Amino acid sequence: MSDDIIKKDIKSLVEKEIPNLNNLLSPEEVSDFQSMTEELRDTWTKKQMFRTETEARFSVLQDNRYPTRGAKYWQCVREQSSYLDNLMALSFDYRRNDAKIKYLEKKIDNETDEYKLTKYEIDLDEARFGKASMEKTAKHRMREIKMWSKLKGEFNDGSFNDKDVNEHQLESYTRMYRGKAENITQNTPEAEVFNIIGQLSSLERISKSGELENKTEQKEQITQHGQPKS
């Protein structure tokens, strides 16, 4: 559905609900609301949903947490995967809501009980507003999926393994915890200091011992020749 159709639907849904706002607002407030219909439609249409590219770059992919290109790339993978899951779940909800709209329209056509008819009409208006909201959400889910794809391509310069997330982590985490250690002050909580120093020491030991490389060699031997000799 295009933006223009969504805008039109939202405006008509808002305008249709104005008389019912008399149950909640004073006549003066209802009048004020009615005069703001176009502005509120515009607000609903352009409100921010999810993160912008600026926020993705400085907040999500912050340098102190993801200090290498590999770390940034793999976080992009996580973010994109999350939004794919969300978009798929939203698609199922949209189909379910669409079926509900058709069901309610049919019930309204055949209902003679005044109370049930009113209830179905309210449910239908709510479902139609929900449909417009889902369509807007879906567009922004897709926008973020495309944004994370762009960022993945930008950070993936061939300097790291983009098939195995484990490969970049020793370097990335070591840099991250060295940065944390450098920022320890007298006011840093003891438990936090213990955690930072402990994890940094472990990372440096793992790097020095080469135990991860040994595990990788064993894995390759198993893949190529079966169990390695002890």
C-alpha atoms as a PDB file:
ATOM      1  CA  MET A   1       0.000   0.000   0.000  1.00  0.00           C
ATOM      2  CA  SER A   2       1.340   3.445  -0.935  1.00  0.00           C
ATOM      3  CA  ASP A   3       1.993   6.258   1.551  1.00  0.00           C
ATOM      4  CA  ASP A   4      -0.811   8.335  -0.008  1.00  0.00           C
ATOM      5  CA  ILE A   5      -3.394   5.585   0.534  1.00  0.00           C
ATOM      6  CA  ILE A   6      -2.243   5.058   4.133  1.00  0.00           C
ATOM      7  CA  LYS A   7      -2.458   8.822   4.774  1.00  0.00           C
ATOM      8  CA  LYS A   8      -5.972   8.948   3.321  1.00  0.00           C
ATOM      9  CA  ASP A   9      -7.106   5.933   5.360  1.00  0.00           C
ATOM     10  CA  ILE A  10      -5.724   7.361   8.592  1.00  0.00           C
ATOM     11  CA  LYS A  11      -7.393  10.738   8.030  1.00  0.00           C
ATOM     12  CA  SER A  12     -10.757   9.120   7.321  1.00  0.00           C
ATOM     13  CA  LEU A  13     -10.449   6.818  10.344  1.00  0.00           C
ATOM     14  CA  VAL A  14      -9.590   9.749  12.612  1.00  0.00           C
ATOM     15  CA  GLU A  15     -12.425  11.862  11.243  1.00  0.00           C
ATOM     16  CA  LYS A  16     -14.882   8.981  11.682  1.00  0.00           C
ATOM     17  CA  GLU A  17     -13.913   8.658  15.341  1.00  0.00           C
ATOM     18  CA  ILE A  18     -14.330  12.374  16.139  1.00  0.00           C
ATOM     19  CA  PRO A  19     -18.028  12.117  17.171  1.00  0.00           C
ATOM     20  CA  ASN A  20     -17.151   9.360  19.619  1.00  0.00           C
ATOM     21  CA  LEU A  21     -14.547  11.556  21.276  1.00  0.00           C
ATOM     22  CA  ASN A  22     -17.447  13.423  22.865  1.00  0.00           C
ATOM     23  CA  ASN A  23     -17.496  10.542  25.326  1.00  0.00           C
ATOM     24  CA  LEU A  24     -13.974  11.420  26.429  1.00  0.00           C
ATOM     25  CA  LEU A  25     -13.460  15.129  25.751  1.00  0.00           C
ATOM     26  CA  SER A  26     -15.320  18.377  26.266  1.00  0.00           C
ATOM     27  CA  PRO A  27     -17.059  19.972  23.231  1.00  0.00           C
ATOM     28  CA  GLU A  28     -14.280  22.566  23.073  1.00  0.00           C
ATOM     29  CA  GLU A  29     -11.596  19.876  23.079  1.00  0.00           C
ATOM     30  CA  VAL A  30     -13.397  17.908  20.391  1.00  0.00           C
ATOM     31  CA  SER A  31     -13.548  21.063  18.276  1.00  0.00           C
ATOM     32  CA  ASP A  32      -9.824  21.643  18.793  1.00  0.00           C
ATOM     33  CA  PHE A  33      -9.099  18.052  17.848  1.00  0.00           C
ATOM     34  CA  GLN A  34     -11.210  18.339  14.702  1.00  0.00           C
ATOM     35  CA  SER A  35      -9.363  21.474  13.607  1.00  0.00           C
ATOM     36  CA  MET A  36      -6.058  19.605  14.011  1.00  0.00           C
ATOM     37  CA  THR A  37      -7.050  16.567  11.937  1.00  0.00           C
ATOM     38  CA  GLU A  38      -4.708  17.351   9.031  1.00  0.00           C
ATOM     39  CA  GLU A  39      -1.814  18.154  11.353  1.00  0.00           C
ATOM     40  CA  LEU A  40      -2.360  14.942  13.332  1.00  0.00           C
ATOM     41  CA  ARG A  41      -2.492  12.935  10.114  1.00  0.00           C
ATOM     42  CA  ASP A  42       0.822  14.480   9.135  1.00  0.00           C
ATOM     43  CA  THR A  43       2.278  13.719  12.579  1.00  0.00           C
ATOM     44  CA  TRP A  44       1.150  10.091  12.396  1.00  0.00           C
ATOM     45  CA  THR A  45       2.613   9.752   8.908  1.00  0.00           C
ATOM     46  CA  LYS A  46       6.080  11.158   9.620  1.00  0.00           C
ATOM     47  CA  LYS A  47       6.636  10.052  13.211  1.00  0.00           C
ATOM     48  CA  GLN A  48       9.916   8.224  13.701  1.00  0.00           C
ATOM     49  CA  MET A  49       9.748   4.460  13.931  1.00  0.00           C
ATOM     50  CA  PHE A  50      12.868   2.525  14.862  1.00  0.00           C
ATOM     51  CA  ARG A  51      16.385   3.860  14.464  1.00  0.00           C
ATOM     52  CA  THR A  52      17.704   6.218  11.848  1.00  0.00           C
ATOM     53  CA  GLU A  53      21.067   5.591  10.170  1.00  0.00           C
ATOM     54  CA  THR A  54      22.590   8.283  12.388  1.00  0.00           C
ATOM     55  CA  GLU A  55      21.396   6.436  15.502  1.00  0.00           C
ATOM     56  CA  ALA A  56      22.560   3.104  14.104  1.00  0.00           C
ATOM     57  CA  ARG A  57      26.068   4.433  13.527  1.00  0.00           C
ATOM     58  CA  PHE A  58      26.703   6.302  16.771  1.00  0.00           C
ATOM     59  CA  SER A  59      24.451   4.489  19.241  1.00  0.00           C
ATOM     60  CA  VAL A  60      24.171   0.869  18.149  1.00  0.00           C
ATOM     61  CA  LEU A  61      27.571   0.499  16.489  1.00  0.00           C
ATOM     62  CA  GLN A  62      29.420   2.642  19.021  1.00  0.00           C
ATOM     63  CA  ASP A  63      33.186   2.351  18.723  1.00  0.00           C
ATOM     64  CA  ASN A  64      33.892   1.465  22.339  1.00  0.00           C
ATOM     65  CA  ARG A  65      31.579  -1.557  22.173  1.00  0.00           C
ATOM     66  CA  TYR A  66      32.277  -2.644  18.598  1.00  0.00           C
ATOM     67  CA  PRO A  67      35.861  -1.472  18.023  1.00  0.00           C
ATOM     68  CA  THR A  68      36.625  -3.444  14.844  1.00  0.00           C
ATOM     69  CA  ARG A  69      35.009  -3.695  11.444  1.00  0.00           C
ATOM     70  CA  GLY A  70      34.314  -7.353  12.148  1.00  0.00           C
ATOM     71  CA  ALA A  71      32.508  -6.532  15.380  1.00  0.00           C
ATOM     72  CA  LYS A  72      30.398  -3.899  13.634  1.00  0.00           C
ATOM     73  CA  TYR A  73      29.597  -6.227  10.742  1.00  0.00           C
ATOM     74  CA  TRP A  74      28.404  -9.029  13.002  1.00  0.00           C
ATOM     75  CA  GLN A  75      26.263  -6.638  15.042  1.00  0.00           C
ATOM     76  CA  CYS A  76      24.669  -5.536  11.766  1.00  0.00           C
ATOM     77  CA  VAL A  77      23.914  -9.199  11.088  1.00  0.00           C
ATOM     78  CA  ARG A  78      22.195  -9.509  14.488  1.00  0.00           C
ATOM     79  CA  GLU A  79      20.179  -6.340  13.960  1.00  0.00           C
ATOM     80  CA  GLN A  80      19.093  -7.299  10.451  1.00  0.00           C
ATOM     81  CA  SER A  81      18.135 -10.791  11.573  1.00  0.00           C
ATOM     82  CA  SER A  82      16.023  -9.359  14.395  1.00  0.00           C
ATOM     83  CA  TYR A  83      14.129  -7.089  12.019  1.00  0.00           C
ATOM     84  CA  LEU A  84      13.579  -9.956   9.590  1.00  0.00           C
ATOM     85  CA  ASP A  85      11.986 -11.962  12.415  1.00  0.00           C
ATOM     86  CA  ASN A  86       9.858  -8.958  13.356  1.00  0.00           C
ATOM     87  CA  LEU A  87       8.712  -8.389   9.775  1.00  0.00           C
ATOM     88  CA  MET A  88       7.723 -12.032   9.355  1.00  0.00           C
ATOM     89  CA  ALA A  89       5.770 -11.994  12.645  1.00  0.00           C
ATOM     90  CA  LEU A  90       4.086  -8.768  11.558  1.00  0.00           C
ATOM     91  CA  SER A  91       3.102 -10.370   8.248  1.00  0.00           C
ATOM     92  CA  PHE A  92       1.336 -13.174  10.117  1.00  0.00           C
ATOM     93  CA  ASP A  93      -0.429 -10.638  12.353  1.00  0.00           C
ATOM     94  CA  TYR A  94      -1.461  -8.630   9.275  1.00  0.00           C
ATOM     95  CA  ARG A  95      -2.989 -11.688   7.612  1.00  0.00           C
ATOM     96  CA  ARG A  96      -4.808 -12.536  10.824  1.00  0.00           C
ATOM     97  CA  ASN A  97      -6.103  -8.968  11.141  1.00  0.00           C
ATOM     98  CA  ASP A  98      -7.197  -8.956   7.492  1.00  0.00           C
ATOM     99  CA  ALA A  99      -9.194 -12.111   8.075  1.00  0.00           C
ATOM    100  CA  LYS A 100     -10.749 -10.454  11.124  1.00  0.00           C
ATOM    101  CA  ILE A 101     -11.809  -7.449   9.006  1.00  0.00           C
ATOM    102  CA  LYS A 102     -13.513  -9.701   6.455  1.00  0.00           C
ATOM    103  CA  TYR A 103     -15.190 -11.650   9.250  1.00  0.00           C
ATOM    104  CA  LEU A 104     -16.493  -8.478  10.905  1.00  0.00           C
ATOM    105  CA  GLU A 105     -17.732  -7.020   7.623  1.00  0.00           C
ATOM    106  CA  LYS A 106     -19.719 -10.188   7.022  1.00  0.00           C
ATOM    107  CA  LYS A 107     -21.077 -10.207  10.586  1.00  0.00           C
ATOM    108  CA  ILE A 108     -22.191  -6.570  10.251  1.00  0.00           C
ATOM    109  CA  ASP A 109     -24.048  -7.304   7.003  1.00  0.00           C
ATOM    110  CA  ASN A 110     -26.092 -10.023   8.692  1.00  0.00           C
ATOM    111  CA  GLU A 111     -26.416  -8.848  12.309  1.00  0.00           C
ATOM    112  CA  THR A 112     -29.817  -7.710  13.586  1.00  0.00           C
ATOM    113  CA  ASP A 113     -29.025  -7.383  17.290  1.00  0.00           C
ATOM    114  CA  GLU A 114     -28.275  -3.692  17.949  1.00  0.00           C
ATOM    115  CA  TYR A 115     -25.729  -4.312  20.722  1.00  0.00           C
ATOM    116  CA  LYS A 116     -23.786  -6.905  18.719  1.00  0.00           C
ATOM    117  CA  LEU A 117     -23.892  -4.713  15.633  1.00  0.00           C
ATOM    118  CA  THR A 118     -22.406  -1.768  17.527  1.00  0.00           C
ATOM    119  CA  LYS A 119     -19.687  -3.984  18.980  1.00  0.00           C
ATOM    120  CA  TYR A 120     -18.782  -5.380  15.558  1.00  0.00           C
ATOM    121  CA  GLU A 121     -18.605  -1.881  14.097  1.00  0.00           C
ATOM    122  CA  ILE A 122     -16.230  -0.752  16.864  1.00  0.00           C
ATOM    123  CA  ASP A 123     -14.099  -3.858  16.384  1.00  0.00           C
ATOM    124  CA  LEU A 124     -14.000  -3.212  12.645  1.00  0.00           C
ATOM    125  CA  ASP A 125     -12.861   0.398  13.058  1.00  0.00           C
ATOM    126  CA  GLU A 126     -10.163  -0.767  15.456  1.00  0.00           C
ATOM    127  CA  ALA A 127      -9.028  -3.502  13.056  1.00  0.00           C
ATOM    128  CA  ARG A 128      -8.853  -1.042  10.148  1.00  0.00           C
ATOM    129  CA  PHE A 129      -6.749   1.368  12.199  1.00  0.00           C
ATOM    130  CA  GLY A 130      -4.564  -1.559  13.225  1.00  0.00           C
ATOM    131  CA  LYS A 131      -4.172  -2.496   9.559  1.00  0.00           C
ATOM    132  CA  ALA A 132      -2.926   0.991   8.670  1.00  0.00           C
ATOM    133  CA  SER A 133      -0.512   0.920  11.620  1.00  0.00           C
ATOM    134  CA  MET A 134       0.831  -2.478  10.570  1.00  0.00           C
ATOM    135  CA  GLU A 135       1.406  -1.235   7.018  1.00  0.00           C
ATOM    136  CA  LYS A 136       3.353   1.741   8.333  1.00  0.00           C
ATOM    137  CA  THR A 137       5.351  -0.485  10.671  1.00  0.00           C
ATOM    138  CA  ALA A 138       6.140  -2.926   7.859  1.00  0.00           C
ATOM    139  CA  LYS A 139       7.551  -0.130   5.674  1.00  0.00           C
ATOM    140  CA  HIS A 140       9.885   0.924   8.483  1.00  0.00           C
ATOM    141  CA  ARG A 141      10.870  -2.660   9.294  1.00  0.00           C
ATOM    142  CA  MET A 142      11.914  -3.011   5.654  1.00  0.00           C
ATOM    143  CA  ARG A 143      13.694   0.335   5.767  1.00  0.00           C
ATOM    144  CA  GLU A 144      15.854  -0.909   8.642  1.00  0.00           C
ATOM    145  CA  ILE A 145      16.501  -4.259   6.970  1.00  0.00           C
ATOM    146  CA  LYS A 146      17.840  -2.364   3.936  1.00  0.00           C
ATOM    147  CA  MET A 147      19.824   0.002   6.162  1.00  0.00           C
ATOM    148  CA  TRP A 148      21.576  -2.865   7.956  1.00  0.00           C
ATOM    149  CA  SER A 149      22.304  -4.445   4.565  1.00  0.00           C
ATOM    150  CA  LYS A 150      23.991  -1.220   3.468  1.00  0.00           C
ATOM    151  CA  LEU A 151      26.059  -1.081   6.675  1.00  0.00           C
ATOM    152  CA  LYS A 152      27.063  -4.749   6.380  1.00  0.00           C
ATOM    153  CA  GLY A 153      28.420  -4.039   2.917  1.00  0.00           C
ATOM    154  CA  GLU A 154      30.278  -0.978   4.151  1.00  0.00           C
ATOM    155  CA  PHE A 155      32.064  -2.756   7.014  1.00  0.00           C
ATOM    156  CA  ASN A 156      32.759  -6.013   5.187  1.00  0.00           C
ATOM    157  CA  ASP A 157      36.092  -5.098   3.591  1.00  0.00           C
ATOM    158  CA  GLY A 158      37.543  -8.612   3.525  1.00  0.00           C
ATOM    159  CA  SER A 159      39.722  -8.089   6.599  1.00  0.00           C
ATOM    160  CA  PHE A 160      37.795 -10.611   8.745  1.00  0.00           C
ATOM    161  CA  ASN A 161      35.896 -13.879   8.451  1.00  0.00           C
ATOM    162  CA  ASP A 162      32.279 -13.116   7.513  1.00  0.00           C
ATOM    163  CA  LYS A 163      31.202 -16.766   7.802  1.00  0.00           C
ATOM    164  CA  ASP A 164      32.164 -17.523  11.415  1.00  0.00           C
ATOM    165  CA  VAL A 165      31.243 -14.973  14.094  1.00  0.00           C
ATOM    166  CA  ASN A 166      33.780 -16.482  16.515  1.00  0.00           C
ATOM    167  CA  GLU A 167      36.755 -15.509  14.360  1.00  0.00           C
ATOM    168  CA  HIS A 168      36.723 -11.771  15.123  1.00  0.00           C
ATOM    169  CA  GLN A 169      35.737 -11.931  18.774  1.00  0.00           C
ATOM    170  CA  LEU A 170      39.078 -12.404  20.497  1.00  0.00           C
ATOM    171  CA  GLU A 171      40.484  -9.215  18.984  1.00  0.00           C
ATOM    172  CA  SER A 172      37.240  -7.244  19.280  1.00  0.00           C
ATOM    173  CA  TYR A 173      36.514  -8.153  22.895  1.00  0.00           C
ATOM    174  CA  THR A 174      40.132  -7.565  23.904  1.00  0.00           C
ATOM    175  CA  ARG A 175      40.011  -4.045  22.477  1.00  0.00           C
ATOM    176  CA  MET A 176      36.658  -3.396  24.113  1.00  0.00           C
ATOM    177  CA  TYR A 177      37.791  -4.486  27.576  1.00  0.00           C
ATOM    178  CA  ARG A 178      41.100  -2.637  27.305  1.00  0.00           C
ATOM    179  CA  GLY A 179      39.048   0.483  26.652  1.00  0.00           C
ATOM    180  CA  LYS A 180      36.896  -0.262  29.704  1.00  0.00           C
ATOM    181  CA  ALA A 181      39.995  -0.852  31.832  1.00  0.00           C
ATOM    182  CA  GLU A 182      41.493   2.477  30.760  1.00  0.00           C
ATOM    183  CA  ASN A 183      38.358   4.252  31.974  1.00  0.00           C
ATOM    184  CA  ILE A 184      38.302   2.738  35.455  1.00  0.00           C
ATOM    185  CA  THR A 185      38.352   5.424  38.138  1.00  0.00           C
ATOM    186  CA  GLN A 186      38.206   5.527  41.928  1.00  0.00           C
ATOM    187  CA  ASN A 187      34.429   5.819  41.613  1.00  0.00           C
ATOM    188  CA  THR A 188      33.996   2.687  39.488  1.00  0.00           C
ATOM    189  CA  PRO A 189      32.089   0.066  41.538  1.00  0.00           C
ATOM    190  CA  GLU A 190      34.286  -2.741  42.847  1.00  0.00           C
ATOM    191  CA  ALA A 191      32.141  -5.440  41.227  1.00  0.00           C
ATOM    192  CA  GLU A 192      32.432  -3.730  37.850  1.00  0.00           C
ATOM    193  CA  VAL A 193      36.217  -3.386  38.201  1.00  0.00           C
ATOM    194  CA  PHE A 194      36.460  -7.065  39.139  1.00  0.00           C
ATOM    195  CA  ASN A 195      34.443  -8.036  36.081  1.00  0.00           C
ATOM    196  CA  ILE A 196      36.410  -5.833  33.659  1.00  0.00           C
ATOM    197  CA  ILE A 197      39.837  -6.877  34.910  1.00  0.00           C
ATOM    198  CA  GLY A 198      38.807 -10.522  35.107  1.00  0.00           C
ATOM    199  CA  GLN A 199      37.493 -10.672  31.550  1.00  0.00           C
ATOM    200  CA  LEU A 200      40.426  -8.683  30.147  1.00  0.00           C
ATOM    201  CA  SER A 201      42.897 -10.990  31.899  1.00  0.00           C
ATOM    202  CA  SER A 202      41.104 -14.025  30.479  1.00  0.00           C
ATOM    203  CA  LEU A 203      41.104 -12.578  26.971  1.00  0.00           C
ATOM    204  CA  GLU A 204      44.832 -11.791  27.147  1.00  0.00           C
ATOM    205  CA  ARG A 205      45.570 -15.277  28.484  1.00  0.00           C
ATOM    206  CA  ILE A 206      43.555 -16.909  25.693  1.00  0.00           C
ATOM    207  CA  SER A 207      45.364 -14.785  23.127  1.00  0.00           C
ATOM    208  CA  LYS A 208      48.780 -15.592  24.582  1.00  0.00           C
ATOM    209  CA  SER A 209      48.134 -19.331  24.985  1.00  0.00           C
ATOM    210  CA  GLY A 210      46.833 -19.763  21.451  1.00  0.00           C
ATOM    211  CA  GLU A 211      44.190 -22.176  22.711  1.00  0.00           C
ATOM    212  CA  LEU A 212      41.583 -20.899  20.271  1.00  0.00           C
ATOM    213  CA  GLU A 213      43.931 -21.537  17.372  1.00  0.00           C
ATOM    214  CA  ASN A 214      44.490 -25.063  18.670  1.00  0.00           C
ATOM    215  CA  LYS A 215      40.744 -25.648  18.793  1.00  0.00           C
ATOM    216  CA  THR A 216      40.463 -24.403  15.211  1.00  0.00           C
ATOM    217  CA  GLU A 217      43.207 -26.784  14.058  1.00  0.00           C
ATOM    218  CA  GLN A 218      41.501 -29.703  15.800  1.00  0.00           C
ATOM    219  CA  LYS A 219      38.192 -28.795  14.185  1.00  0.00           C
ATOM    220  CA  GLU A 220      39.826 -28.762  10.739  1.00  0.00           C
ATOM    221  CA  GLN A 221      41.439 -32.142  11.381  1.00  0.00           C
ATOM    222  CA  ILE A 222      38.110 -33.644  12.425  1.00  0.00           C
ATOM    223  CA  THR A 223      36.428 -32.231   9.319  1.00  0.00           C
ATOM    224  CA  GLN A 224      39.100 -33.572   6.980  1.00  0.00           C
ATOM    225  CA  HIS A 225      40.344 -36.780   8.598  1.00  0.00           C
ATOM    226  CA  GLY A 226      38.052 -37.724  11.474  1.00  0.00           C
ATOM    227  CA  GLN A 227      39.033 -37.588  15.170  1.00  0.00           C
ATOM    228  CA  PRO A 228      42.552 -36.157  15.745  1.00  0.00           C
ATOM    229  CA  LYS A 229      45.134 -38.279  17.456  1.00  0.00           C
ATOM    230  CA  SER A 230      45.667 -37.546  21.146  1.00  0.00           C
END
